[in-house]
Amino acid sequence: MPTFVLSVPPSANALFFNVKGRGRRKSHKYRAWIAGELKALVAQRARPVRGHVSITITLPKSTRGDASNRVKPAEDLLVRAGIIPDDSGKHVGSVTVTFGDVQMMHVQVEPMAEIGRAA
């Protein structure tokens, strides 16, 4: 089960901004985080994880704000990198977020048993 070591993403509150007449746009901070972490995933030789998955995110104890605000950018990065096809319930069965004794965010993606899922 692959575990990726990544920098902590911006809070979900800082991912987007509104542009009058054009809608929501990714913030510069979010775009920069995505670009850097895509390179980090390549360096870690990230490969796709097929089927239904469970995601476990461990954040450094020093992370400010709500843990749940770090889930969406992490999931979106996994999709963008091709590690998971999408972050819907069709592919992601569970997400667990904890604070731990780590210096960077750790994201573990593991296949789930298909128990109880309709084919």
Protein backbone atom coordinates (compact mmCIF):
# COMPACT_ATOMS: atom_id res chain seq x y z
CA MET A 1 0.00 0.00 0.00
CA PRO A 2 1.64 3.20 -1.14
CA THR A 3 2.25 6.05 1.29
CA PHE A 4 3.16 9.43 -0.17
CA VAL A 5 4.98 12.13 1.76
CA LEU A 6 3.80 15.58 0.71
CA SER A 7 3.74 19.13 1.98
CA VAL A 8 0.58 20.14 3.80
CA PRO A 9 -1.90 21.67 1.34
CA PRO A 10 -3.51 25.05 1.78
CA SER A 11 -6.74 24.99 3.74
CA ALA A 12 -9.90 24.42 1.72
CA ASN A 13 -10.77 28.01 2.66
CA ALA A 14 -7.82 29.26 0.58
CA LEU A 15 -8.12 27.09 -2.54
CA PHE A 16 -10.30 29.33 -4.71
CA PHE A 17 -11.27 32.93 -5.25
CA ASN A 18 -14.08 34.51 -7.25
CA VAL A 19 -13.54 36.52 -10.42
CA LYS A 20 -16.47 38.71 -11.33
CA GLY A 21 -18.11 37.49 -14.51
CA ARG A 22 -15.80 34.46 -14.76
CA GLY A 23 -16.54 32.35 -11.68
CA ARG A 24 -14.22 30.56 -9.29
CA ARG A 25 -10.50 30.22 -9.97
CA LYS A 26 -7.74 28.33 -8.20
CA SER A 27 -5.65 30.53 -5.96
CA HIS A 28 -1.97 31.07 -6.72
CA LYS A 29 -1.07 29.25 -3.49
CA TYR A 30 -3.18 26.22 -4.49
CA ARG A 31 -1.80 26.11 -8.05
CA ALA A 32 1.76 26.29 -6.69
CA TRP A 33 1.06 23.50 -4.17
CA ILE A 34 -0.38 21.25 -6.91
CA ALA A 35 2.61 21.83 -9.20
CA GLY A 36 5.13 21.09 -6.45
CA GLU A 37 3.35 18.00 -5.18
CA LEU A 38 2.88 16.53 -8.65
CA LYS A 39 6.68 16.63 -8.93
CA ALA A 40 6.98 15.05 -5.49
CA LEU A 41 4.67 12.21 -6.55
CA VAL A 42 6.74 11.58 -9.68
CA ALA A 43 9.89 11.48 -7.54
CA GLN A 44 8.17 8.95 -5.25
CA ARG A 45 7.24 6.83 -8.28
CA ALA A 46 3.53 7.05 -7.58
CA ARG A 47 1.44 4.45 -9.40
CA PRO A 48 -2.32 4.11 -9.82
CA VAL A 49 -4.24 2.17 -7.18
CA ARG A 50 -7.07 0.27 -8.85
CA GLY A 51 -10.55 -0.35 -7.51
CA HIS A 52 -12.20 0.86 -4.35
CA VAL A 53 -9.70 2.54 -2.01
CA SER A 54 -9.29 3.76 1.52
CA ILE A 55 -7.28 6.95 2.09
CA THR A 56 -5.50 7.69 5.35
CA ILE A 57 -4.03 11.15 5.83
CA THR A 58 -1.68 11.97 8.68
CA LEU A 59 -0.97 15.65 9.24
CA PRO A 60 1.80 17.13 11.37
CA LYS A 61 0.58 18.08 14.84
CA SER A 62 1.69 21.64 14.07
CA THR A 63 -0.86 21.99 11.25
CA ARG A 64 -3.18 24.92 11.88
CA GLY A 65 -6.91 24.76 11.29
CA ASP A 66 -9.33 21.93 10.74
CA ALA A 67 -7.99 18.59 9.56
CA SER A 68 -10.99 18.18 7.25
CA ASN A 69 -9.97 21.30 5.31
CA ARG A 70 -6.89 19.41 4.07
CA VAL A 71 -8.81 16.41 2.69
CA LYS A 72 -10.21 17.91 -0.52
CA PRO A 73 -6.90 19.22 -1.90
CA ALA A 74 -5.19 15.91 -1.07
CA GLU A 75 -7.93 13.93 -2.84
CA ASP A 76 -7.87 16.25 -5.84
CA LEU A 77 -4.09 15.83 -6.09
CA LEU A 78 -4.44 12.04 -6.12
CA VAL A 79 -6.94 12.36 -8.98
CA ARG A 80 -4.81 14.85 -10.90
CA ALA A 81 -1.76 12.57 -10.56
CA GLY A 82 -3.76 9.58 -11.83
CA ILE A 83 -3.37 7.61 -8.60
CA ILE A 84 -7.14 7.29 -8.27
CA PRO A 85 -9.66 7.86 -11.10
CA ASP A 86 -11.87 10.19 -9.05
CA ASP A 87 -12.68 10.98 -5.44
CA SER A 88 -16.34 10.01 -5.51
CA GLY A 89 -17.83 7.24 -3.38
CA LYS A 90 -17.56 5.01 -6.43
CA HIS A 91 -13.78 4.80 -5.86
CA VAL A 92 -13.11 6.15 -2.36
CA GLY A 93 -14.78 4.10 0.36
CA SER A 94 -13.28 5.87 3.35
CA VAL A 95 -11.04 8.75 4.33
CA THR A 96 -9.38 9.00 7.72
CA VAL A 97 -7.49 12.08 8.89
CA THR A 98 -5.32 12.23 11.98
CA PHE A 99 -2.63 14.41 13.49
CA GLY A 100 0.63 12.61 14.18
CA ASP A 101 4.34 12.86 14.83
CA VAL A 102 5.26 13.57 11.20
CA GLN A 103 7.05 16.52 9.63
CA MET A 104 5.04 16.45 6.40
CA MET A 105 1.64 15.14 5.36
CA HIS A 106 1.53 11.38 4.80
CA VAL A 107 -1.13 10.04 2.43
CA GLN A 108 -1.70 6.30 2.32
CA VAL A 109 -3.88 4.82 -0.41
CA GLU A 110 -4.86 1.18 -0.10
CA PRO A 111 -7.28 -1.08 -1.93
CA MET A 112 -10.45 -1.96 -0.03
CA ALA A 113 -12.23 -5.28 -0.11
CA GLU A 114 -15.33 -5.14 -2.25
CA ILE A 115 -17.39 -6.64 0.60
CA GLY A 116 -20.95 -5.40 0.61
CA ARG A 117 -20.67 -3.51 -2.67
CA ALA A 118 -23.01 -4.25 -5.54
CA ALA A 119 -21.26 -5.30 -8.72
